PDB file of all heavy atoms in Angstrom:
ATOM      1  N   GLY A   1      20.603 -11.728 -31.176  1.00  0.00           N
ATOM      2  CA  GLY A   1      20.542 -12.454 -32.447  1.00  0.00           C
ATOM      3  C   GLY A   1      21.363 -13.728 -32.427  1.00  0.00           C
ATOM      4  O   GLY A   1      20.880 -14.804 -32.829  1.00  0.00           O
ATOM      5  N   TYR A   2      22.620 -13.601 -31.973  1.00  0.00           N
ATOM      6  CA  TYR A   2      23.471 -14.792 -31.936  1.00  0.00           C
ATOM      7  C   TYR A   2      22.959 -15.820 -30.933  1.00  0.00           C
ATOM      8  O   TYR A   2      23.059 -17.034 -31.156  1.00  0.00           O
ATOM      9  CB  TYR A   2      24.907 -14.392 -31.604  1.00  0.00           C
ATOM     10  CG  TYR A   2      25.696 -13.955 -32.819  1.00  0.00           C
ATOM     11  CD1 TYR A   2      25.748 -12.620 -33.188  1.00  0.00           C
ATOM     12  CD2 TYR A   2      26.365 -14.889 -33.602  1.00  0.00           C
ATOM     13  CE1 TYR A   2      26.451 -12.204 -34.305  1.00  0.00           C
ATOM     14  CE2 TYR A   2      27.080 -14.491 -34.721  1.00  0.00           C
ATOM     15  CZ  TYR A   2      27.125 -13.152 -35.078  1.00  0.00           C
ATOM     16  OH  TYR A   2      27.833 -12.750 -36.199  1.00  0.00           O
ATOM     17  N   ALA A   3      22.388 -15.383 -29.823  1.00  0.00           N
ATOM     18  CA  ALA A   3      21.857 -16.326 -28.838  1.00  0.00           C
ATOM     19  C   ALA A   3      20.678 -17.095 -29.415  1.00  0.00           C
ATOM     20  O   ALA A   3      20.541 -18.319 -29.200  1.00  0.00           O
ATOM     21  CB  ALA A   3      21.441 -15.579 -27.584  1.00  0.00           C
ATOM     22  N   GLU A   4      19.795 -16.417 -30.170  1.00  0.00           N
ATOM     23  CA  GLU A   4      18.657 -17.096 -30.782  1.00  0.00           C
ATOM     24  C   GLU A   4      19.112 -18.088 -31.848  1.00  0.00           C
ATOM     25  O   GLU A   4      18.556 -19.187 -31.985  1.00  0.00           O
ATOM     26  CB  GLU A   4      17.718 -16.060 -31.399  1.00  0.00           C
ATOM     27  CG  GLU A   4      16.975 -15.226 -30.371  1.00  0.00           C
ATOM     28  CD  GLU A   4      16.086 -14.169 -31.019  1.00  0.00           C
ATOM     29  OE1 GLU A   4      16.107 -14.087 -32.263  1.00  0.00           O
ATOM     30  OE2 GLU A   4      15.403 -13.430 -30.283  1.00  0.00           O
ATOM     31  N   VAL A   5      20.160 -17.683 -32.639  1.00  0.00           N
ATOM     32  CA  VAL A   5      20.690 -18.609 -33.660  1.00  0.00           C
ATOM     33  C   VAL A   5      21.254 -19.859 -33.014  1.00  0.00           C
ATOM     34  O   VAL A   5      21.012 -20.996 -33.456  1.00  0.00           O
ATOM     35  CB  VAL A   5      21.757 -17.891 -34.507  1.00  0.00           C
ATOM     36  CG1 VAL A   5      22.514 -18.892 -35.390  1.00  0.00           C
ATOM     37  CG2 VAL A   5      21.112 -16.818 -35.373  1.00  0.00           C
ATOM     38  N   MET A   6      22.003 -19.663 -31.936  1.00  0.00           N
ATOM     39  CA  MET A   6      22.600 -20.807 -31.247  1.00  0.00           C
ATOM     40  C   MET A   6      21.535 -21.699 -30.611  1.00  0.00           C
ATOM     41  O   MET A   6      21.717 -22.904 -30.469  1.00  0.00           O
ATOM     42  CB  MET A   6      23.578 -20.306 -30.183  1.00  0.00           C
ATOM     43  CG  MET A   6      24.810 -19.608 -30.760  1.00  0.00           C
ATOM     44  SD  MET A   6      25.792 -18.749 -29.511  1.00  0.00           S
ATOM     45  CE  MET A   6      26.289 -20.124 -28.495  1.00  0.00           C
ATOM     46  N   ARG A   7      20.407 -21.083 -30.226  1.00  0.00           N
ATOM     47  CA  ARG A   7      19.327 -21.887 -29.624  1.00  0.00           C
ATOM     48  C   ARG A   7      18.523 -22.624 -30.675  1.00  0.00           C
ATOM     49  O   ARG A   7      18.144 -23.793 -30.488  1.00  0.00           O
ATOM     50  CB  ARG A   7      18.403 -20.957 -28.847  1.00  0.00           C
ATOM     51  CG  ARG A   7      17.252 -21.667 -28.149  1.00  0.00           C
ATOM     52  CD  ARG A   7      16.217 -20.660 -27.688  1.00  0.00           C
ATOM     53  NE  ARG A   7      15.597 -19.997 -28.851  1.00  0.00           N
ATOM     54  CZ  ARG A   7      14.765 -18.967 -28.749  1.00  0.00           C
ATOM     55  NH1 ARG A   7      14.467 -18.460 -27.570  1.00  0.00           N
ATOM     56  NH2 ARG A   7      14.255 -18.416 -29.853  1.00  0.00           N
ATOM     57  N   ASP A   8      18.252 -22.008 -31.819  1.00  0.00           N
ATOM     58  CA  ASP A   8      17.307 -22.575 -32.779  1.00  0.00           C
ATOM     59  C   ASP A   8      17.962 -23.392 -33.874  1.00  0.00           C
ATOM     60  O   ASP A   8      17.301 -24.247 -34.490  1.00  0.00           O
ATOM     61  CB  ASP A   8      16.509 -21.424 -33.432  1.00  0.00           C
ATOM     62  CG  ASP A   8      15.692 -20.643 -32.413  1.00  0.00           C
ATOM     63  OD1 ASP A   8      15.373 -21.213 -31.354  1.00  0.00           O
ATOM     64  OD2 ASP A   8      15.392 -19.448 -32.673  1.00  0.00           O
ATOM     65  N   ILE A   9      19.224 -23.144 -34.169  1.00  0.00           N
ATOM     66  CA  ILE A   9      19.874 -23.854 -35.287  1.00  0.00           C
ATOM     67  C   ILE A   9      20.931 -24.788 -34.725  1.00  0.00           C
ATOM     68  O   ILE A   9      21.885 -24.354 -34.089  1.00  0.00           O
ATOM     69  CB  ILE A   9      20.523 -22.850 -36.255  1.00  0.00           C
ATOM     70  CG1 ILE A   9      19.462 -21.896 -36.817  1.00  0.00           C
ATOM     71  CG2 ILE A   9      21.222 -23.592 -37.403  1.00  0.00           C
ATOM     72  CD1 ILE A   9      20.025 -20.838 -37.718  1.00  0.00           C
ATOM     73  N   PRO A  10      20.756 -26.088 -34.972  1.00  0.00           N
ATOM     74  CA  PRO A  10      21.755 -27.056 -34.495  1.00  0.00           C
ATOM     75  C   PRO A  10      23.103 -26.805 -35.165  1.00  0.00           C
ATOM     76  O   PRO A  10      23.187 -26.452 -36.339  1.00  0.00           O
ATOM     77  CB  PRO A  10      21.176 -28.410 -34.937  1.00  0.00           C
ATOM     78  CG  PRO A  10      19.712 -28.163 -35.143  1.00  0.00           C
ATOM     79  CD  PRO A  10      19.604 -26.751 -35.625  1.00  0.00           C
ATOM     80  N   GLY A  11      24.135 -26.919 -34.402  1.00  0.00           N
ATOM     81  CA  GLY A  11      25.475 -26.769 -34.925  1.00  0.00           C
ATOM     82  C   GLY A  11      26.014 -25.340 -34.908  1.00  0.00           C
ATOM     83  O   GLY A  11      27.172 -25.116 -35.285  1.00  0.00           O
ATOM     84  N   GLU A  12      25.178 -24.348 -34.510  1.00  0.00           N
ATOM     85  CA  GLU A  12      25.641 -22.971 -34.456  1.00  0.00           C
ATOM     86  C   GLU A  12      26.241 -22.584 -33.107  1.00  0.00           C
ATOM     87  O   GLU A  12      26.671 -21.444 -32.925  1.00  0.00           O
ATOM     88  CB  GLU A  12      24.489 -22.008 -34.775  1.00  0.00           C
ATOM     89  CG  GLU A  12      24.068 -22.023 -36.210  1.00  0.00           C
ATOM     90  CD  GLU A  12      25.178 -21.562 -37.139  1.00  0.00           C
ATOM     91  OE1 GLU A  12      25.938 -20.635 -36.740  1.00  0.00           O
ATOM     92  OE2 GLU A  12      25.318 -22.109 -38.251  1.00  0.00           O
ATOM     93  N   ASN A  13      26.241 -23.534 -32.186  1.00  0.00           N
ATOM     94  CA  ASN A  13      26.839 -23.258 -30.880  1.00  0.00           C
ATOM     95  C   ASN A  13      28.351 -23.434 -30.979  1.00  0.00           C
ATOM     96  O   ASN A  13      28.928 -24.354 -30.411  1.00  0.00           O
ATOM     97  CB  ASN A  13      26.238 -24.199 -29.840  1.00  0.00           C
ATOM     98  CG  ASN A  13      26.622 -23.775 -28.421  1.00  0.00           C
ATOM     99  OD1 ASN A  13      27.257 -22.753 -28.212  1.00  0.00           O
ATOM    100  ND2 ASN A  13      26.244 -24.600 -27.461  1.00  0.00           N
ATOM    101  N   THR A  14      28.966 -22.522 -31.718  1.00  0.00           N
ATOM    102  CA  THR A  14      30.400 -22.614 -32.009  1.00  0.00           C
ATOM    103  C   THR A  14      31.180 -21.640 -31.130  1.00  0.00           C
ATOM    104  O   THR A  14      30.636 -20.647 -30.617  1.00  0.00           O
ATOM    105  CB  THR A  14      30.655 -22.271 -33.488  1.00  0.00           C
ATOM    106  OG1 THR A  14      30.244 -20.917 -33.710  1.00  0.00           O
ATOM    107  CG2 THR A  14      29.861 -23.211 -34.405  1.00  0.00           C
ATOM    108  N   PRO A  15      32.475 -21.875 -30.941  1.00  0.00           N
ATOM    109  CA  PRO A  15      33.299 -20.935 -30.168  1.00  0.00           C
ATOM    110  C   PRO A  15      33.297 -19.525 -30.763  1.00  0.00           C
ATOM    111  O   PRO A  15      33.397 -18.534 -30.028  1.00  0.00           O
ATOM    112  CB  PRO A  15      34.689 -21.565 -30.234  1.00  0.00           C
ATOM    113  CG  PRO A  15      34.436 -23.015 -30.432  1.00  0.00           C
ATOM    114  CD  PRO A  15      33.211 -23.112 -31.305  1.00  0.00           C
ATOM    115  N   GLU A  16      33.219 -19.440 -32.099  1.00  0.00           N
ATOM    116  CA  GLU A  16      33.210 -18.113 -32.728  1.00  0.00           C
ATOM    117  C   GLU A  16      31.982 -17.307 -32.314  1.00  0.00           C
ATOM    118  O   GLU A  16      32.073 -16.101 -32.006  1.00  0.00           O
ATOM    119  CB  GLU A  16      33.252 -18.246 -34.252  1.00  0.00           C
ATOM    120  CG  GLU A  16      34.560 -18.778 -34.810  1.00  0.00           C
ATOM    121  CD  GLU A  16      34.672 -20.288 -34.658  1.00  0.00           C
ATOM    122  OE1 GLU A  16      33.670 -20.934 -34.257  1.00  0.00           O
ATOM    123  OE2 GLU A  16      35.778 -20.826 -34.916  1.00  0.00           O
ATOM    124  N   ASN A  17      30.791 -17.951 -32.350  1.00  0.00           N
ATOM    125  CA  ASN A  17      29.561 -17.242 -31.960  1.00  0.00           C
ATOM    126  C   ASN A  17      29.587 -16.859 -30.479  1.00  0.00           C
ATOM    127  O   ASN A  17      29.140 -15.774 -30.091  1.00  0.00           O
ATOM    128  CB  ASN A  17      28.340 -18.107 -32.264  1.00  0.00           C
ATOM    129  CG  ASN A  17      28.105 -18.244 -33.765  1.00  0.00           C
ATOM    130  OD1 ASN A  17      28.623 -17.457 -34.553  1.00  0.00           O
ATOM    131  ND2 ASN A  17      27.334 -19.249 -34.156  1.00  0.00           N
ATOM    132  N   VAL A  18      30.099 -17.787 -29.664  1.00  0.00           N
ATOM    133  CA  VAL A  18      30.202 -17.490 -28.231  1.00  0.00           C
ATOM    134  C   VAL A  18      31.141 -16.307 -28.004  1.00  0.00           C
ATOM    135  O   VAL A  18      30.880 -15.430 -27.176  1.00  0.00           O
ATOM    136  CB  VAL A  18      30.684 -18.727 -27.456  1.00  0.00           C
ATOM    137  CG1 VAL A  18      30.960 -18.374 -26.000  1.00  0.00           C
ATOM    138  CG2 VAL A  18      29.648 -19.839 -27.533  1.00  0.00           C
ATOM    139  N   GLN A  19      32.247 -16.253 -28.761  1.00  0.00           N
ATOM    140  CA  GLN A  19      33.199 -15.156 -28.618  1.00  0.00           C
ATOM    141  C   GLN A  19      32.570 -13.814 -28.995  1.00  0.00           C
ATOM    142  O   GLN A  19      32.845 -12.785 -28.380  1.00  0.00           O
ATOM    143  CB  GLN A  19      34.434 -15.411 -29.483  1.00  0.00           C
ATOM    144  CG  GLN A  19      35.541 -14.393 -29.275  1.00  0.00           C
ATOM    145  CD  GLN A  19      36.061 -14.398 -27.847  1.00  0.00           C
ATOM    146  OE1 GLN A  19      36.318 -15.456 -27.275  1.00  0.00           O
ATOM    147  NE2 GLN A  19      36.181 -13.198 -27.264  1.00  0.00           N
ATOM    148  N   ILE A  20      31.710 -13.846 -30.060  1.00  0.00           N
ATOM    149  CA  ILE A  20      31.027 -12.614 -30.449  1.00  0.00           C
ATOM    150  C   ILE A  20      30.138 -12.117 -29.312  1.00  0.00           C
ATOM    151  O   ILE A  20      30.100 -10.919 -28.989  1.00  0.00           O
ATOM    152  CB  ILE A  20      30.198 -12.839 -31.731  1.00  0.00           C
ATOM    153  CG1 ILE A  20      31.145 -13.041 -32.922  1.00  0.00           C
ATOM    154  CG2 ILE A  20      29.272 -11.649 -31.993  1.00  0.00           C
ATOM    155  CD1 ILE A  20      30.423 -13.387 -34.210  1.00  0.00           C
ATOM    156  N   ILE A  21      29.418 -13.045 -28.684  1.00  0.00           N
ATOM    157  CA  ILE A  21      28.560 -12.661 -27.558  1.00  0.00           C
ATOM    158  C   ILE A  21      29.404 -12.097 -26.416  1.00  0.00           C
ATOM    159  O   ILE A  21      29.066 -11.074 -25.786  1.00  0.00           O
ATOM    160  CB  ILE A  21      27.732 -13.867 -27.081  1.00  0.00           C
ATOM    161  CG1 ILE A  21      26.718 -14.270 -28.169  1.00  0.00           C
ATOM    162  CG2 ILE A  21      27.010 -13.536 -25.774  1.00  0.00           C
ATOM    163  CD1 ILE A  21      25.919 -15.497 -27.819  1.00  0.00           C
ATOM    164  N   ILE A  22      30.560 -12.723 -26.166  1.00  0.00           N
ATOM    165  CA  ILE A  22      31.442 -12.240 -25.102  1.00  0.00           C
ATOM    166  C   ILE A  22      31.968 -10.849 -25.427  1.00  0.00           C
ATOM    167  O   ILE A  22      32.002  -9.953 -24.571  1.00  0.00           O
ATOM    168  CB  ILE A  22      32.599 -13.232 -24.896  1.00  0.00           C
ATOM    169  CG1 ILE A  22      32.071 -14.554 -24.335  1.00  0.00           C
ATOM    170  CG2 ILE A  22      33.657 -12.636 -23.962  1.00  0.00           C
ATOM    171  CD1 ILE A  22      33.119 -15.652 -24.239  1.00  0.00           C
ATOM    172  N   ASP A  23      32.371 -10.665 -26.706  1.00  0.00           N
ATOM    173  CA  ASP A  23      32.895  -9.349 -27.105  1.00  0.00           C
ATOM    174  C   ASP A  23      31.851  -8.252 -26.943  1.00  0.00           C
ATOM    175  O   ASP A  23      32.159  -7.138 -26.467  1.00  0.00           O
ATOM    176  CB  ASP A  23      33.366  -9.406 -28.559  1.00  0.00           C
ATOM    177  CG  ASP A  23      34.622 -10.249 -28.716  1.00  0.00           C
ATOM    178  OD1 ASP A  23      35.279 -10.522 -27.685  1.00  0.00           O
ATOM    179  OD2 ASP A  23      34.925 -10.642 -29.855  1.00  0.00           O
ATOM    180  N   GLU A  24      30.631  -8.527 -27.359  1.00  0.00           N
ATOM    181  CA  GLU A  24      29.583  -7.510 -27.243  1.00  0.00           C
ATOM    182  C   GLU A  24      29.219  -7.254 -25.788  1.00  0.00           C
ATOM    183  O   GLU A  24      28.886  -6.122 -25.400  1.00  0.00           O
ATOM    184  CB  GLU A  24      28.338  -7.940 -28.027  1.00  0.00           C
ATOM    185  CG  GLU A  24      28.548  -8.066 -29.525  1.00  0.00           C
ATOM    186  CD  GLU A  24      29.038  -6.776 -30.141  1.00  0.00           C
ATOM    187  OE1 GLU A  24      28.578  -5.689 -29.709  1.00  0.00           O
ATOM    188  OE2 GLU A  24      29.888  -6.824 -31.055  1.00  0.00           O
ATOM    189  N   THR A  25      29.305  -8.306 -24.965  1.00  0.00           N
ATOM    190  CA  THR A  25      29.059  -8.111 -23.530  1.00  0.00           C
ATOM    191  C   THR A  25      30.138  -7.215 -22.925  1.00  0.00           C
ATOM    192  O   THR A  25      29.852  -6.331 -22.103  1.00  0.00           O
ATOM    193  CB  THR A  25      29.038  -9.473 -22.807  1.00  0.00           C
ATOM    194  OG1 THR A  25      28.032 -10.303 -23.385  1.00  0.00           O
ATOM    195  CG2 THR A  25      28.741  -9.287 -21.319  1.00  0.00           C
ATOM    196  N   GLU A  26      31.383  -7.428 -23.353  1.00  0.00           N
ATOM    197  CA  GLU A  26      32.460  -6.567 -22.875  1.00  0.00           C
ATOM    198  C   GLU A  26      32.245  -5.128 -23.336  1.00  0.00           C
ATOM    199  O   GLU A  26      32.574  -4.168 -22.605  1.00  0.00           O
ATOM    200  CB  GLU A  26      33.798  -7.096 -23.379  1.00  0.00           C
ATOM    201  CG  GLU A  26      34.222  -8.420 -22.730  1.00  0.00           C
ATOM    202  CD  GLU A  26      35.539  -8.928 -23.282  1.00  0.00           C
ATOM    203  OE1 GLU A  26      36.030  -8.334 -24.279  1.00  0.00           O
ATOM    204  OE2 GLU A  26      36.082  -9.901 -22.733  1.00  0.00           O
ATOM    205  N   ARG A  27      31.742  -4.965 -24.563  1.00  0.00           N
ATOM    206  CA  ARG A  27      31.477  -3.617 -25.048  1.00  0.00           C
ATOM    207  C   ARG A  27      30.423  -2.929 -24.179  1.00  0.00           C
ATOM    208  O   ARG A  27      30.544  -1.735 -23.849  1.00  0.00           O
ATOM    209  CB  ARG A  27      31.006  -3.676 -26.504  1.00  0.00           C
ATOM    210  CG  ARG A  27      30.836  -2.299 -27.134  1.00  0.00           C
ATOM    211  CD  ARG A  27      30.321  -2.421 -28.553  1.00  0.00           C
ATOM    212  NE  ARG A  27      31.227  -3.168 -29.388  1.00  0.00           N
ATOM    213  CZ  ARG A  27      32.323  -2.653 -29.958  1.00  0.00           C
ATOM    214  NH1 ARG A  27      32.613  -1.378 -29.764  1.00  0.00           N
ATOM    215  NH2 ARG A  27      33.104  -3.375 -30.693  1.00  0.00           N
ATOM    216  N   LEU A  28      29.377  -3.661 -23.824  1.00  0.00           N
ATOM    217  CA  LEU A  28      28.352  -3.104 -22.938  1.00  0.00           C
ATOM    218  C   LEU A  28      28.948  -2.715 -21.590  1.00  0.00           C
ATOM    219  O   LEU A  28      28.666  -1.646 -21.046  1.00  0.00           O
ATOM    220  CB  LEU A  28      27.224  -4.115 -22.738  1.00  0.00           C
ATOM    221  CG  LEU A  28      26.204  -4.264 -23.865  1.00  0.00           C
ATOM    222  CD1 LEU A  28      25.233  -5.400 -23.545  1.00  0.00           C
ATOM    223  CD2 LEU A  28      25.446  -2.980 -24.081  1.00  0.00           C
ATOM    224  N   THR A  29      29.785  -3.600 -21.055  1.00  0.00           N
ATOM    225  CA  THR A  29      30.420  -3.327 -19.771  1.00  0.00           C
ATOM    226  C   THR A  29      31.309  -2.090 -19.859  1.00  0.00           C
ATOM    227  O   THR A  29      31.321  -1.232 -18.960  1.00  0.00           O
ATOM    228  CB  THR A  29      31.252  -4.533 -19.320  1.00  0.00           C
ATOM    229  OG1 THR A  29      30.405  -5.682 -19.234  1.00  0.00           O
ATOM    230  CG2 THR A  29      31.898  -4.268 -17.961  1.00  0.00           C
ATOM    231  N   SER A  30      32.057  -1.977 -20.956  1.00  0.00           N
ATOM    232  CA  SER A  30      32.922  -0.822 -21.146  1.00  0.00           C
ATOM    233  C   SER A  30      32.126   0.467 -21.232  1.00  0.00           C
ATOM    234  O   SER A  30      32.512   1.493 -20.667  1.00  0.00           O
ATOM    235  CB  SER A  30      33.757  -1.008 -22.415  1.00  0.00           C
ATOM    236  OG  SER A  30      34.582   0.112 -22.646  1.00  0.00           O
ATOM    237  N   LEU A  31      30.984   0.429 -21.943  1.00  0.00           N
ATOM    238  CA  LEU A  31      30.151   1.615 -22.068  1.00  0.00           C
ATOM    239  C   LEU A  31      29.616   2.056 -20.706  1.00  0.00           C
ATOM    240  O   LEU A  31      29.704   3.231 -20.338  1.00  0.00           O
ATOM    241  CB  LEU A  31      28.985   1.343 -23.021  1.00  0.00           C
ATOM    242  CG  LEU A  31      27.936   2.448 -23.136  1.00  0.00           C
ATOM    243  CD1 LEU A  31      28.557   3.714 -23.693  1.00  0.00           C
ATOM    244  CD2 LEU A  31      26.765   1.999 -24.001  1.00  0.00           C
ATOM    245  N   VAL A  32      29.090   1.122 -19.938  1.00  0.00           N
ATOM    246  CA  VAL A  32      28.553   1.450 -18.613  1.00  0.00           C
ATOM    247  C   VAL A  32      29.653   1.982 -17.704  1.00  0.00           C
ATOM    248  O   VAL A  32      29.461   2.960 -16.968  1.00  0.00           O
ATOM    249  CB  VAL A  32      27.870   0.216 -17.990  1.00  0.00           C
ATOM    250  CG1 VAL A  32      27.472   0.492 -16.547  1.00  0.00           C
ATOM    251  CG2 VAL A  32      26.650  -0.191 -18.809  1.00  0.00           C
ATOM    252  N   ASN A  33      30.840   1.350 -17.760  1.00  0.00           N
ATOM    253  CA  ASN A  33      31.939   1.815 -16.909  1.00  0.00           C
ATOM    254  C   ASN A  33      32.377   3.229 -17.265  1.00  0.00           C
ATOM    255  O   ASN A  33      32.692   4.042 -16.388  1.00  0.00           O
ATOM    256  CB  ASN A  33      33.125   0.856 -17.038  1.00  0.00           C
ATOM    257  CG  ASN A  33      32.870  -0.475 -16.344  1.00  0.00           C
ATOM    258  OD1 ASN A  33      32.013  -0.562 -15.460  1.00  0.00           O
ATOM    259  ND2 ASN A  33      33.582  -1.510 -16.773  1.00  0.00           N
ATOM    260  N   ASP A  34      32.412   3.536 -18.585  1.00  0.00           N
ATOM    261  CA  ASP A  34      32.814   4.879 -18.992  1.00  0.00           C
ATOM    262  C   ASP A  34      31.824   5.929 -18.515  1.00  0.00           C
ATOM    263  O   ASP A  34      32.203   7.019 -18.071  1.00  0.00           O
ATOM    264  CB  ASP A  34      32.940   4.949 -20.521  1.00  0.00           C
ATOM    265  CG  ASP A  34      34.296   4.452 -20.996  1.00  0.00           C
ATOM    266  OD1 ASP A  34      35.125   4.114 -20.129  1.00  0.00           O
ATOM    267  OD2 ASP A  34      34.520   4.409 -22.213  1.00  0.00           O
ATOM    268  N   VAL A  35      30.533   5.614 -18.614  1.00  0.00           N
ATOM    269  CA  VAL A  35      29.524   6.564 -18.138  1.00  0.00           C
ATOM    270  C   VAL A  35      29.669   6.785 -16.641  1.00  0.00           C
ATOM    271  O   VAL A  35      29.616   7.919 -16.146  1.00  0.00           O
ATOM    272  CB  VAL A  35      28.105   6.063 -18.475  1.00  0.00           C
ATOM    273  CG1 VAL A  35      27.054   6.958 -17.834  1.00  0.00           C
ATOM    274  CG2 VAL A  35      27.896   6.028 -19.987  1.00  0.00           C
ATOM    275  N   LEU A  36      29.882   5.710 -15.891  1.00  0.00           N
ATOM    276  CA  LEU A  36      30.052   5.822 -14.445  1.00  0.00           C
ATOM    277  C   LEU A  36      31.342   6.577 -14.103  1.00  0.00           C
ATOM    278  O   LEU A  36      31.358   7.428 -13.201  1.00  0.00           O
ATOM    279  CB  LEU A  36      30.058   4.435 -13.800  1.00  0.00           C
ATOM    280  CG  LEU A  36      28.727   3.673 -13.822  1.00  0.00           C
ATOM    281  CD1 LEU A  36      28.914   2.282 -13.247  1.00  0.00           C
ATOM    282  CD2 LEU A  36      27.661   4.429 -13.054  1.00  0.00           C
ATOM    283  N   ASP A  37      32.430   6.280 -14.825  1.00  0.00           N
ATOM    284  CA  ASP A  37      33.706   6.955 -14.560  1.00  0.00           C
ATOM    285  C   ASP A  37      33.585   8.454 -14.820  1.00  0.00           C
ATOM    286  O   ASP A  37      34.089   9.281 -14.031  1.00  0.00           O
ATOM    287  CB  ASP A  37      34.809   6.366 -15.433  1.00  0.00           C
ATOM    288  CG  ASP A  37      35.267   5.000 -14.946  1.00  0.00           C
ATOM    289  OD1 ASP A  37      34.963   4.674 -13.775  1.00  0.00           O
ATOM    290  OD2 ASP A  37      35.903   4.267 -15.712  1.00  0.00           O
TER     291      ASP A  37
END
């Protein structure tokens, strides 16, 4: 959702939106690591 907003709406490519994407990516990484561990 945030990636589409940043692509389609000018001015939404903000550090806050990028940080949200980074945080959710870390959450995915944490989930996969826990399952593997």
